[in-house]
Structures are given as C-alpha cells and as structure tokens.
C-alpha cells in the first residue's frame, strides 16, 4: 500500500489520541505536510515533533521527511489527475483523441490501483481463497461483470464457486454461506444497498469477506474483513463504469494468478485440462459431435 494518506487513514484507529488528532488534521488538509516543517506542523496541530515522528513510524516511514516526500508526490499525482479529468470527452473530439483519452484513463486507473495494493492483505486473501470450501461472489451492474469474470477463472482452477445474477439469489447465497467459505464482493461505489444487505448476512454467518472496492470510507469497506482497493474517477462519459471495471478486472486477475501460483504445477495441469479448444469455421453441431 504505497499511498501515504491511505496508510494514515487505515492506521488511525491504532494511534494514540494525540496522534489521531494530528492524522485527522492532515487528512483534512494534506497540503499542511507539504508546506510545514515537523515543528511548524506540531505547533499547528497542538502536538509535538516527537508525536508526529512516532506517527510516521507507525505507518512504515523512517520519519517525517520520508512521509513528507510521499505526501508531496501523492498530492502532485492527484493534481495531475484533476487536470486530466478536465480533458473529458468533448463533442469536437476526433476518433484519435477519443482513443488516447480513454486509453490514458484506463492506464492511469490501473497504475493507481497497483499503488493501492497492500501485498500483505493480498497474501491473506490468497490464503483464504486457497482454503475456502466455497467461494461466493457478489456484485451488481458493472461490478457483476467483474465478479462473473472472476468466477470463470476460479472455476478453471477447480475451485467450487457460486454466483447469481439477480439480487434475490445473491441474498439467498449470503444466507447459505458459512465460516469455512469466503465471500468475494465487488462494489466500486461501496454504497450499493443490495450488496450491503448481503454482507450483513455474511457477517452474521462468520463468513470472511474480501471486498474489491473504491479507496474511500464506505459501508462496504467497513463491513469487509479484507479490502483490495481500486482507483478510478468516473465522470461524464466514463460514468459508464469504464476505468473502474478495468481496475476490478485487474484485481481479479491478480487474485487468480496468485492463487494459481500457490500450487503451480497442479494449476498448470488443471488449466490445460479445462482449456476449451476453438475450431475456426466449425459449426456448433459438428462441435457437439466432437464433444465440444
């Protein structure tokens, strides 16, 4: 998890009351870190330089200088993203410009998702999936597309998984899930009411929940036991869940590949066994005659 501000927010519950006060002030106005020295920030937040250095150490930085550099870089990237958002699709755009803008938006989303990836959380998720009796998948709309993609991938590894397209069926599967299973929840917004209802059932059953969701505080992220964050800024034409879908698919690919790598030789054999041959030009009836 390379985001300095995300580290700060995720760790704030473990801080002392004084450190938490400093963290809240920084999260409300990150520019303070860029503009102020450690002593100036201590004065501004009614704390001490040692408190700030200790807080930085708690989230994995050697001191305030390293934390300051990380925040400065992060804010610069955010500013670049804001400028990019201003270059939204225009009526006058040529096809070449549309190609460039959409491609760049997707690349940026994937890069930011990579930066948000916490390797230790990912490792824990892979271990959970590896030992799961059943993998239950949840999602609606564009997130359901990503969930179905993950379903097909895990199925090829001979992992027992369940996915349903309509919400009522997903609600039933959330009631059936047990503590030995794993729920994989896809929700970009983090506020989809139907998904939240399913997650509440999962919590009651003691089913571990992995959420692939946007990096913001939300009901979905709060209910999840493990969070794999995606980054995407959907606006105007991109509100059709373009870059967010790409980010979710990317995280699903990472989970699938990491899981397959846990037992490499067996996974290679299984993927080869479940490969479906495509015969160009062969009609469906002929394929059925061949067992296709």
C-alpha atoms as a PDB file:
ATOM      1  CA  UNK A   1       0.000   0.000   0.000  1.00  0.00           C
ATOM      2  CA  UNK A   2       2.065   2.929  -1.294  1.00  0.00           C
ATOM      3  CA  UNK A   3      -0.423   5.724  -0.618  1.00  0.00           C
ATOM      4  CA  UNK A   4       0.823   7.701   2.377  1.00  0.00           C
ATOM      5  CA  UNK A   5      -2.589   9.226   3.105  1.00  0.00           C
ATOM      6  CA  UNK A   6      -4.289   5.847   2.800  1.00  0.00           C
ATOM      7  CA  UNK A   7      -1.819   4.353   5.270  1.00  0.00           C
ATOM      8  CA  UNK A   8      -2.564   7.226   7.624  1.00  0.00           C
ATOM      9  CA  UNK A   9      -6.327   6.772   7.396  1.00  0.00           C
ATOM     10  CA  UNK A  10      -6.234   2.973   7.687  1.00  0.00           C
ATOM     11  CA  UNK A  11      -3.951   3.081  10.757  1.00  0.00           C
ATOM     12  CA  UNK A  12      -5.636   5.935  12.641  1.00  0.00           C
ATOM     13  CA  UNK A  13      -7.630   3.605  14.904  1.00  0.00           C
ATOM     14  CA  UNK A  14      -4.367   2.286  16.371  1.00  0.00           C
ATOM     15  CA  UNK A  15      -2.974   5.748  17.123  1.00  0.00           C
ATOM     16  CA  UNK A  16      -2.936   7.465  20.482  1.00  0.00           C
ATOM     17  CA  UNK A  17      -5.490  10.252  20.893  1.00  0.00           C
ATOM     18  CA  UNK A  18      -2.837  12.889  20.166  1.00  0.00           C
ATOM     19  CA  UNK A  19      -1.572  11.076  17.064  1.00  0.00           C
ATOM     20  CA  UNK A  20      -5.153  10.597  15.886  1.00  0.00           C
ATOM     21  CA  UNK A  21      -5.733  14.332  16.178  1.00  0.00           C
ATOM     22  CA  UNK A  22      -2.687  15.029  14.031  1.00  0.00           C
ATOM     23  CA  UNK A  23      -3.778  12.417  11.474  1.00  0.00           C
ATOM     24  CA  UNK A  24      -7.282  13.884  11.223  1.00  0.00           C
ATOM     25  CA  UNK A  25      -5.854  17.371  10.634  1.00  0.00           C
ATOM     26  CA  UNK A  26      -3.517  16.069   7.914  1.00  0.00           C
ATOM     27  CA  UNK A  27      -6.273  14.079   6.212  1.00  0.00           C
ATOM     28  CA  UNK A  28      -8.492  17.169   6.225  1.00  0.00           C
ATOM     29  CA  UNK A  29      -5.724  19.298   4.701  1.00  0.00           C
ATOM     30  CA  UNK A  30      -2.760  17.258   3.345  1.00  0.00           C
ATOM     31  CA  UNK A  31      -1.153  20.413   1.949  1.00  0.00           C
ATOM     32  CA  UNK A  32      -0.048  21.209   5.519  1.00  0.00           C
ATOM     33  CA  UNK A  33       2.551  18.435   5.274  1.00  0.00           C
ATOM     34  CA  UNK A  34       3.976  19.918   2.084  1.00  0.00           C
ATOM     35  CA  UNK A  35       4.092  23.472   3.450  1.00  0.00           C
ATOM     36  CA  UNK A  36       5.225  22.948   7.047  1.00  0.00           C
ATOM     37  CA  UNK A  37       8.260  21.563   8.799  1.00  0.00           C
ATOM     38  CA  UNK A  38       7.737  18.998  11.535  1.00  0.00           C
ATOM     39  CA  UNK A  39       7.993  21.693  14.227  1.00  0.00           C
ATOM     40  CA  UNK A  40       5.598  24.014  12.402  1.00  0.00           C
ATOM     41  CA  UNK A  41       3.122  21.157  11.942  1.00  0.00           C
ATOM     42  CA  UNK A  42       3.423  20.259  15.622  1.00  0.00           C
ATOM     43  CA  UNK A  43       2.564  23.837  16.561  1.00  0.00           C
ATOM     44  CA  UNK A  44      -0.327  23.896  14.110  1.00  0.00           C
ATOM     45  CA  UNK A  45      -1.790  20.631  15.451  1.00  0.00           C
ATOM     46  CA  UNK A  46      -1.129  21.344  19.154  1.00  0.00           C
ATOM     47  CA  UNK A  47       1.162  18.328  19.404  1.00  0.00           C
ATOM     48  CA  UNK A  48       4.922  17.758  19.436  1.00  0.00           C
ATOM     49  CA  UNK A  49       7.556  16.896  16.845  1.00  0.00           C
ATOM     50  CA  UNK A  50       8.172  13.564  18.571  1.00  0.00           C
ATOM     51  CA  UNK A  51       4.460  12.704  18.325  1.00  0.00           C
ATOM     52  CA  UNK A  52       4.486  13.360  14.579  1.00  0.00           C
ATOM     53  CA  UNK A  53       7.678  11.357  14.032  1.00  0.00           C
ATOM     54  CA  UNK A  54       6.210   8.480  16.055  1.00  0.00           C
ATOM     55  CA  UNK A  55       3.016   8.597  13.997  1.00  0.00           C
ATOM     56  CA  UNK A  56       5.067   8.435  10.775  1.00  0.00           C
ATOM     57  CA  UNK A  57       6.972   5.453  12.150  1.00  0.00           C
ATOM     58  CA  UNK A  58       3.727   3.645  12.959  1.00  0.00           C
ATOM     59  CA  UNK A  59       2.703   3.716   9.292  1.00  0.00           C
ATOM     60  CA  UNK A  60       6.036   2.498   7.965  1.00  0.00           C
ATOM     61  CA  UNK A  61       8.094   5.647   7.367  1.00  0.00           C
ATOM     62  CA  UNK A  62      11.537   6.310   8.801  1.00  0.00           C
ATOM     63  CA  UNK A  63      10.473   9.788   9.861  1.00  0.00           C
ATOM     64  CA  UNK A  64       8.654  12.957   8.905  1.00  0.00           C
ATOM     65  CA  UNK A  65      10.930  13.732   5.941  1.00  0.00           C
ATOM     66  CA  UNK A  66      10.135  10.454   4.193  1.00  0.00           C
ATOM     67  CA  UNK A  67       6.424  10.832   4.968  1.00  0.00           C
ATOM     68  CA  UNK A  68       6.520  14.414   3.665  1.00  0.00           C
ATOM     69  CA  UNK A  69       8.097  13.309   0.379  1.00  0.00           C
ATOM     70  CA  UNK A  70       5.474  10.604  -0.055  1.00  0.00           C
ATOM     71  CA  UNK A  71       2.600  13.024   0.588  1.00  0.00           C
ATOM     72  CA  UNK A  72       4.109  15.629  -1.757  1.00  0.00           C
ATOM     73  CA  UNK A  73       4.357  13.049  -4.533  1.00  0.00           C
ATOM     74  CA  UNK A  74       0.822  11.810  -3.879  1.00  0.00           C
ATOM     75  CA  UNK A  75      -0.662  15.312  -3.988  1.00  0.00           C
ATOM     76  CA  UNK A  76       1.214  16.019  -7.224  1.00  0.00           C
ATOM     77  CA  UNK A  77      -0.333  12.919  -8.757  1.00  0.00           C
ATOM     78  CA  UNK A  78      -3.777  13.959  -7.556  1.00  0.00           C
ATOM     79  CA  UNK A  79      -3.324  17.357  -9.171  1.00  0.00           C
ATOM     80  CA  UNK A  80      -2.306  15.684 -12.408  1.00  0.00           C
ATOM     81  CA  UNK A  81      -5.400  13.505 -12.205  1.00  0.00           C
ATOM     82  CA  UNK A  82      -7.608  16.566 -11.686  1.00  0.00           C
ATOM     83  CA  UNK A  83      -6.077  18.190 -14.756  1.00  0.00           C
ATOM     84  CA  UNK A  84      -6.664  15.004 -16.712  1.00  0.00           C
ATOM     85  CA  UNK A  85     -10.309  14.973 -15.658  1.00  0.00           C
ATOM     86  CA  UNK A  86     -10.700  18.397 -17.202  1.00  0.00           C
ATOM     87  CA  UNK A  87      -9.750  16.811 -20.502  1.00  0.00           C
ATOM     88  CA  UNK A  88     -13.039  14.945 -20.631  1.00  0.00           C
ATOM     89  CA  UNK A  89     -14.525  13.745 -23.885  1.00  0.00           C
ATOM     90  CA  UNK A  90     -15.669  16.721 -25.934  1.00  0.00           C
ATOM     91  CA  UNK A  91     -18.194  16.839 -28.760  1.00  0.00           C
ATOM     92  CA  UNK A  92     -15.453  18.056 -31.093  1.00  0.00           C
ATOM     93  CA  UNK A  93     -13.031  15.202 -30.258  1.00  0.00           C
ATOM     94  CA  UNK A  94     -11.740  13.146 -33.152  1.00  0.00           C
ATOM     95  CA  UNK A  95     -11.630   9.349 -33.012  1.00  0.00           C
ATOM     96  CA  UNK A  96      -7.883   9.594 -32.414  1.00  0.00           C
ATOM     97  CA  UNK A  97      -8.464  11.858 -29.392  1.00  0.00           C
ATOM     98  CA  UNK A  98     -11.119   9.516 -28.004  1.00  0.00           C
ATOM     99  CA  UNK A  99      -8.717   6.579 -28.330  1.00  0.00           C
ATOM    100  CA  UNK A 100      -5.993   8.490 -26.493  1.00  0.00           C
ATOM    101  CA  UNK A 101      -8.235   9.808 -23.701  1.00  0.00           C
ATOM    102  CA  UNK A 102      -9.963   6.516 -22.892  1.00  0.00           C
ATOM    103  CA  UNK A 103      -6.732   4.534 -23.084  1.00  0.00           C
ATOM    104  CA  UNK A 104      -4.931   7.002 -20.833  1.00  0.00           C
ATOM    105  CA  UNK A 105      -7.778   6.963 -18.294  1.00  0.00           C
ATOM    106  CA  UNK A 106      -7.649   3.173 -18.105  1.00  0.00           C
ATOM    107  CA  UNK A 107      -3.852   3.109 -17.780  1.00  0.00           C
ATOM    108  CA  UNK A 108      -3.985   5.718 -15.012  1.00  0.00           C
ATOM    109  CA  UNK A 109      -6.637   3.698 -13.164  1.00  0.00           C
ATOM    110  CA  UNK A 110      -4.517   0.533 -13.342  1.00  0.00           C
ATOM    111  CA  UNK A 111      -1.388   2.335 -12.142  1.00  0.00           C
ATOM    112  CA  UNK A 112      -3.210   3.872  -9.188  1.00  0.00           C
ATOM    113  CA  UNK A 113      -4.769   0.512  -8.319  1.00  0.00           C
ATOM    114  CA  UNK A 114      -1.282  -1.014  -8.297  1.00  0.00           C
ATOM    115  CA  UNK A 115      -0.109   1.704  -5.901  1.00  0.00           C
ATOM    116  CA  UNK A 116      -3.024   0.970  -3.559  1.00  0.00           C
ATOM    117  CA  UNK A 117      -2.324  -2.762  -3.417  1.00  0.00           C
ATOM    118  CA  UNK A 118      -1.290  -3.962   0.036  1.00  0.00           C
ATOM    119  CA  UNK A 119       0.817  -7.086  -0.505  1.00  0.00           C
ATOM    120  CA  UNK A 120       0.180  -8.460   2.992  1.00  0.00           C
ATOM    121  CA  UNK A 121      -3.587  -8.092   2.574  1.00  0.00           C
ATOM    122  CA  UNK A 122      -3.335  -9.752  -0.838  1.00  0.00           C
ATOM    123  CA  UNK A 123      -1.360 -12.642   0.672  1.00  0.00           C
ATOM    124  CA  UNK A 124      -4.004 -13.142   3.355  1.00  0.00           C
ATOM    125  CA  UNK A 125      -6.762 -13.105   0.714  1.00  0.00           C
ATOM    126  CA  UNK A 126      -4.985 -15.734  -1.378  1.00  0.00           C
ATOM    127  CA  UNK A 127      -4.610 -17.985   1.673  1.00  0.00           C
ATOM    128  CA  UNK A 128      -8.308 -17.604   2.430  1.00  0.00           C
ATOM    129  CA  UNK A 129      -9.319 -18.446  -1.131  1.00  0.00           C
ATOM    130  CA  UNK A 130      -6.957 -21.404  -1.209  1.00  0.00           C
ATOM    131  CA  UNK A 131      -8.534 -22.964   1.868  1.00  0.00           C
ATOM    132  CA  UNK A 132     -12.144 -22.000   1.159  1.00  0.00           C
ATOM    133  CA  UNK A 133     -14.827 -24.671   0.877  1.00  0.00           C
ATOM    134  CA  UNK A 134     -16.854 -22.431  -1.428  1.00  0.00           C
ATOM    135  CA  UNK A 135     -16.130 -19.005  -2.938  1.00  0.00           C
ATOM    136  CA  UNK A 136     -19.314 -16.918  -3.087  1.00  0.00           C
ATOM    137  CA  UNK A 137     -19.214 -13.936  -5.443  1.00  0.00           C
ATOM    138  CA  UNK A 138     -21.330 -10.806  -5.159  1.00  0.00           C
ATOM    139  CA  UNK A 139     -21.852  -7.726  -7.327  1.00  0.00           C
ATOM    140  CA  UNK A 140     -24.415  -5.810  -9.347  1.00  0.00           C
ATOM    141  CA  UNK A 141     -24.272  -3.872 -12.600  1.00  0.00           C
ATOM    142  CA  UNK A 142     -20.749  -3.433 -13.985  1.00  0.00           C
ATOM    143  CA  UNK A 143     -19.348  -4.976 -10.805  1.00  0.00           C
ATOM    144  CA  UNK A 144     -21.271  -8.159 -11.600  1.00  0.00           C
ATOM    145  CA  UNK A 145     -19.348  -8.359 -14.894  1.00  0.00           C
ATOM    146  CA  UNK A 146     -16.080  -8.366 -12.950  1.00  0.00           C
ATOM    147  CA  UNK A 147     -17.466 -10.925 -10.487  1.00  0.00           C
ATOM    148  CA  UNK A 148     -18.500 -13.237 -13.352  1.00  0.00           C
ATOM    149  CA  UNK A 149     -15.023 -12.935 -14.869  1.00  0.00           C
ATOM    150  CA  UNK A 150     -13.505 -13.981 -11.530  1.00  0.00           C
ATOM    151  CA  UNK A 151     -15.999 -16.863 -11.307  1.00  0.00           C
ATOM    152  CA  UNK A 152     -14.864 -18.286 -14.653  1.00  0.00           C
ATOM    153  CA  UNK A 153     -11.218 -18.011 -13.676  1.00  0.00           C
ATOM    154  CA  UNK A 154     -11.594 -19.702 -10.273  1.00  0.00           C
ATOM    155  CA  UNK A 155     -13.757 -22.397 -11.881  1.00  0.00           C
ATOM    156  CA  UNK A 156     -10.872 -23.343 -14.153  1.00  0.00           C
ATOM    157  CA  UNK A 157      -8.766 -23.978 -11.049  1.00  0.00           C
ATOM    158  CA  UNK A 158     -11.484 -26.398  -9.888  1.00  0.00           C
ATOM    159  CA  UNK A 159     -12.496 -24.094  -7.039  1.00  0.00           C
ATOM    160  CA  UNK A 160     -16.120 -24.545  -6.070  1.00  0.00           C
ATOM    161  CA  UNK A 161     -17.722 -21.122  -6.567  1.00  0.00           C
ATOM    162  CA  UNK A 162     -21.234 -19.724  -6.657  1.00  0.00           C
ATOM    163  CA  UNK A 163     -22.510 -16.626  -8.445  1.00  0.00           C
ATOM    164  CA  UNK A 164     -26.037 -15.469  -9.243  1.00  0.00           C
ATOM    165  CA  UNK A 165     -27.093 -12.599 -11.449  1.00  0.00           C
ATOM    166  CA  UNK A 166     -30.204 -11.420  -9.626  1.00  0.00           C
ATOM    167  CA  UNK A 167     -30.076  -9.840  -6.208  1.00  0.00           C
ATOM    168  CA  UNK A 168     -32.591 -12.124  -4.514  1.00  0.00           C
ATOM    169  CA  UNK A 169     -30.470 -15.138  -5.416  1.00  0.00           C
ATOM    170  CA  UNK A 170     -27.365 -13.370  -4.114  1.00  0.00           C
ATOM    171  CA  UNK A 171     -29.230 -12.665  -0.879  1.00  0.00           C
ATOM    172  CA  UNK A 172     -30.061 -16.372  -0.542  1.00  0.00           C
ATOM    173  CA  UNK A 173     -26.444 -17.363  -1.192  1.00  0.00           C
ATOM    174  CA  UNK A 174     -25.339 -14.918   1.511  1.00  0.00           C
ATOM    175  CA  UNK A 175     -27.651 -16.745   3.933  1.00  0.00           C
ATOM    176  CA  UNK A 176     -26.163 -20.107   2.929  1.00  0.00           C
ATOM    177  CA  UNK A 177     -22.513 -19.093   3.290  1.00  0.00           C
ATOM    178  CA  UNK A 178     -20.643 -20.489   6.288  1.00  0.00           C
ATOM    179  CA  UNK A 179     -17.461 -19.718   8.208  1.00  0.00           C
ATOM    180  CA  UNK A 180     -15.455 -22.153   6.075  1.00  0.00           C
ATOM    181  CA  UNK A 181     -16.393 -20.287   2.912  1.00  0.00           C
ATOM    182  CA  UNK A 182     -15.140 -16.968   1.510  1.00  0.00           C
ATOM    183  CA  UNK A 183     -17.201 -14.121   0.053  1.00  0.00           C
ATOM    184  CA  UNK A 184     -15.671 -12.034  -2.721  1.00  0.00           C
ATOM    185  CA  UNK A 185     -17.605  -8.773  -3.034  1.00  0.00           C
ATOM    186  CA  UNK A 186     -17.254  -6.396  -5.987  1.00  0.00           C
ATOM    187  CA  UNK A 187     -18.574  -2.864  -5.444  1.00  0.00           C
ATOM    188  CA  UNK A 188     -16.917   0.210  -6.930  1.00  0.00           C
ATOM    189  CA  UNK A 189     -19.161   2.719  -5.124  1.00  0.00           C
ATOM    190  CA  UNK A 190     -19.121   0.912  -1.788  1.00  0.00           C
ATOM    191  CA  UNK A 191     -22.689   2.017  -1.108  1.00  0.00           C
ATOM    192  CA  UNK A 192     -24.858  -0.397  -3.130  1.00  0.00           C
ATOM    193  CA  UNK A 193     -27.724  -1.230  -0.759  1.00  0.00           C
ATOM    194  CA  UNK A 194     -28.309  -4.750  -2.093  1.00  0.00           C
ATOM    195  CA  UNK A 195     -24.656  -5.693  -1.719  1.00  0.00           C
ATOM    196  CA  UNK A 196     -24.574  -4.259   1.810  1.00  0.00           C
ATOM    197  CA  UNK A 197     -27.614  -6.380   2.749  1.00  0.00           C
ATOM    198  CA  UNK A 198     -25.772  -9.496   1.565  1.00  0.00           C
ATOM    199  CA  UNK A 199     -22.646  -8.520   3.507  1.00  0.00           C
ATOM    200  CA  UNK A 200     -24.632  -8.144   6.723  1.00  0.00           C
ATOM    201  CA  UNK A 201     -25.861 -11.729   6.333  1.00  0.00           C
ATOM    202  CA  UNK A 202     -22.300 -12.878   5.699  1.00  0.00           C
ATOM    203  CA  UNK A 203     -21.112 -11.161   8.878  1.00  0.00           C
ATOM    204  CA  UNK A 204     -23.808 -12.946  10.885  1.00  0.00           C
ATOM    205  CA  UNK A 205     -22.637 -16.279   9.482  1.00  0.00           C
ATOM    206  CA  UNK A 206     -18.980 -15.556  10.234  1.00  0.00           C
ATOM    207  CA  UNK A 207     -18.041 -15.794   6.550  1.00  0.00           C
ATOM    208  CA  UNK A 208     -14.769 -13.959   5.755  1.00  0.00           C
ATOM    209  CA  UNK A 209     -15.411 -11.110   3.312  1.00  0.00           C
ATOM    210  CA  UNK A 210     -12.951  -9.806   0.721  1.00  0.00           C
ATOM    211  CA  UNK A 211     -14.121  -6.535  -0.845  1.00  0.00           C
ATOM    212  CA  UNK A 212     -12.806  -5.171  -4.128  1.00  0.00           C
ATOM    213  CA  UNK A 213     -13.901  -1.575  -3.816  1.00  0.00           C
ATOM    214  CA  UNK A 214     -13.003   2.074  -4.226  1.00  0.00           C
ATOM    215  CA  UNK A 215     -10.467   3.537  -1.803  1.00  0.00           C
ATOM    216  CA  UNK A 216     -12.878   5.556   0.326  1.00  0.00           C
ATOM    217  CA  UNK A 217     -14.640   5.015   3.614  1.00  0.00           C
ATOM    218  CA  UNK A 218     -17.911   3.280   2.814  1.00  0.00           C
ATOM    219  CA  UNK A 219     -20.326   0.704   4.252  1.00  0.00           C
ATOM    220  CA  UNK A 220     -18.775  -1.975   2.032  1.00  0.00           C
ATOM    221  CA  UNK A 221     -15.212  -1.253   3.181  1.00  0.00           C
ATOM    222  CA  UNK A 222     -16.338  -1.131   6.814  1.00  0.00           C
ATOM    223  CA  UNK A 223     -18.143  -4.482   6.617  1.00  0.00           C
ATOM    224  CA  UNK A 224     -15.293  -6.223   4.790  1.00  0.00           C
ATOM    225  CA  UNK A 225     -12.613  -8.198   6.630  1.00  0.00           C
ATOM    226  CA  UNK A 226     -10.116  -7.610   3.830  1.00  0.00           C
ATOM    227  CA  UNK A 227     -10.058  -4.735   1.349  1.00  0.00           C
ATOM    228  CA  UNK A 228      -8.392  -4.716  -2.060  1.00  0.00           C
ATOM    229  CA  UNK A 229      -8.743  -1.152  -3.248  1.00  0.00           C
ATOM    230  CA  UNK A 230      -9.312   0.016  -6.794  1.00  0.00           C
ATOM    231  CA  UNK A 231      -8.764   3.512  -8.134  1.00  0.00           C
ATOM    232  CA  UNK A 232     -10.948   5.142 -10.741  1.00  0.00           C
ATOM    233  CA  UNK A 233     -12.506   8.515 -11.338  1.00  0.00           C
ATOM    234  CA  UNK A 234     -15.715   8.071 -13.260  1.00  0.00           C
ATOM    235  CA  UNK A 235     -17.211  11.208 -14.740  1.00  0.00           C
ATOM    236  CA  UNK A 236     -19.404  12.171 -17.685  1.00  0.00           C
ATOM    237  CA  UNK A 237     -18.826   9.589 -20.441  1.00  0.00           C
ATOM    238  CA  UNK A 238     -16.674   7.486 -18.125  1.00  0.00           C
ATOM    239  CA  UNK A 239     -19.585   7.263 -15.676  1.00  0.00           C
ATOM    240  CA  UNK A 240     -20.437   4.094 -17.609  1.00  0.00           C
ATOM    241  CA  UNK A 241     -18.058   2.285 -15.229  1.00  0.00           C
ATOM    242  CA  UNK A 242     -15.187   2.111 -17.700  1.00  0.00           C
ATOM    243  CA  UNK A 243     -11.956   2.562 -15.750  1.00  0.00           C
ATOM    244  CA  UNK A 244     -13.493   1.182 -12.532  1.00  0.00           C
ATOM    245  CA  UNK A 245     -14.374  -2.024 -14.369  1.00  0.00           C
ATOM    246  CA  UNK A 246     -10.804  -2.252 -15.670  1.00  0.00           C
ATOM    247  CA  UNK A 247      -9.472  -1.857 -12.121  1.00  0.00           C
ATOM    248  CA  UNK A 248     -11.771  -4.558 -10.755  1.00  0.00           C
ATOM    249  CA  UNK A 249     -10.828  -6.970 -13.547  1.00  0.00           C
ATOM    250  CA  UNK A 250      -7.160  -6.263 -12.850  1.00  0.00           C
ATOM    251  CA  UNK A 251      -7.525  -7.103  -9.146  1.00  0.00           C
ATOM    252  CA  UNK A 252      -9.449 -10.282 -10.035  1.00  0.00           C
ATOM    253  CA  UNK A 253      -6.620 -11.276 -12.402  1.00  0.00           C
ATOM    254  CA  UNK A 254      -4.061 -10.677  -9.650  1.00  0.00           C
ATOM    255  CA  UNK A 255      -6.039 -12.836  -7.188  1.00  0.00           C
ATOM    256  CA  UNK A 256      -6.469 -15.616  -9.747  1.00  0.00           C
ATOM    257  CA  UNK A 257      -2.795 -15.651 -10.754  1.00  0.00           C
ATOM    258  CA  UNK A 258      -1.563 -15.527  -7.150  1.00  0.00           C
ATOM    259  CA  UNK A 259      -3.925 -18.363  -6.216  1.00  0.00           C
ATOM    260  CA  UNK A 260      -2.799 -20.471  -9.180  1.00  0.00           C
ATOM    261  CA  UNK A 261       0.829 -19.830  -8.241  1.00  0.00           C
ATOM    262  CA  UNK A 262       0.237 -21.329  -4.774  1.00  0.00           C
ATOM    263  CA  UNK A 263       0.309 -24.779  -6.415  1.00  0.00           C
ATOM    264  CA  UNK A 264       1.966 -24.009  -9.709  1.00  0.00           C
ATOM    265  CA  UNK A 265       2.343 -27.497 -11.235  1.00  0.00           C
ATOM    266  CA  UNK A 266      -1.166 -28.604 -10.363  1.00  0.00           C
ATOM    267  CA  UNK A 267      -2.619 -25.302 -11.610  1.00  0.00           C
ATOM    268  CA  UNK A 268      -0.835 -25.603 -14.955  1.00  0.00           C
ATOM    269  CA  UNK A 269      -2.200 -29.128 -15.359  1.00  0.00           C
ATOM    270  CA  UNK A 270      -5.696 -28.036 -14.354  1.00  0.00           C
ATOM    271  CA  UNK A 271      -5.708 -25.052 -16.714  1.00  0.00           C
ATOM    272  CA  UNK A 272      -4.552 -27.303 -19.533  1.00  0.00           C
ATOM    273  CA  UNK A 273      -7.267 -29.856 -18.724  1.00  0.00           C
ATOM    274  CA  UNK A 274     -10.025 -27.242 -18.675  1.00  0.00           C
ATOM    275  CA  UNK A 275      -8.904 -25.469 -21.841  1.00  0.00           C
ATOM    276  CA  UNK A 276     -11.681 -25.489 -24.446  1.00  0.00           C
ATOM    277  CA  UNK A 277     -10.414 -25.852 -27.998  1.00  0.00           C
ATOM    278  CA  UNK A 278     -11.803 -23.370 -30.508  1.00  0.00           C
ATOM    279  CA  UNK A 279     -12.173 -24.696 -34.048  1.00  0.00           C
ATOM    280  CA  UNK A 280     -12.426 -21.886 -36.574  1.00  0.00           C
ATOM    281  CA  UNK A 281     -15.277 -22.355 -39.033  1.00  0.00           C
ATOM    282  CA  UNK A 282     -16.682 -25.453 -37.334  1.00  0.00           C
ATOM    283  CA  UNK A 283     -20.464 -25.234 -36.857  1.00  0.00           C
ATOM    284  CA  UNK A 284     -21.953 -25.833 -33.362  1.00  0.00           C
ATOM    285  CA  UNK A 285     -23.454 -29.223 -34.410  1.00  0.00           C
ATOM    286  CA  UNK A 286     -20.068 -30.508 -35.541  1.00  0.00           C
ATOM    287  CA  UNK A 287     -18.501 -29.337 -32.290  1.00  0.00           C
ATOM    288  CA  UNK A 288     -21.182 -31.179 -30.297  1.00  0.00           C
ATOM    289  CA  UNK A 289     -20.430 -34.309 -32.320  1.00  0.00           C
ATOM    290  CA  UNK A 290     -16.817 -33.973 -31.197  1.00  0.00           C
ATOM    291  CA  UNK A 291     -17.857 -33.421 -27.615  1.00  0.00           C
ATOM    292  CA  UNK A 292     -17.313 -29.616 -27.759  1.00  0.00           C
END
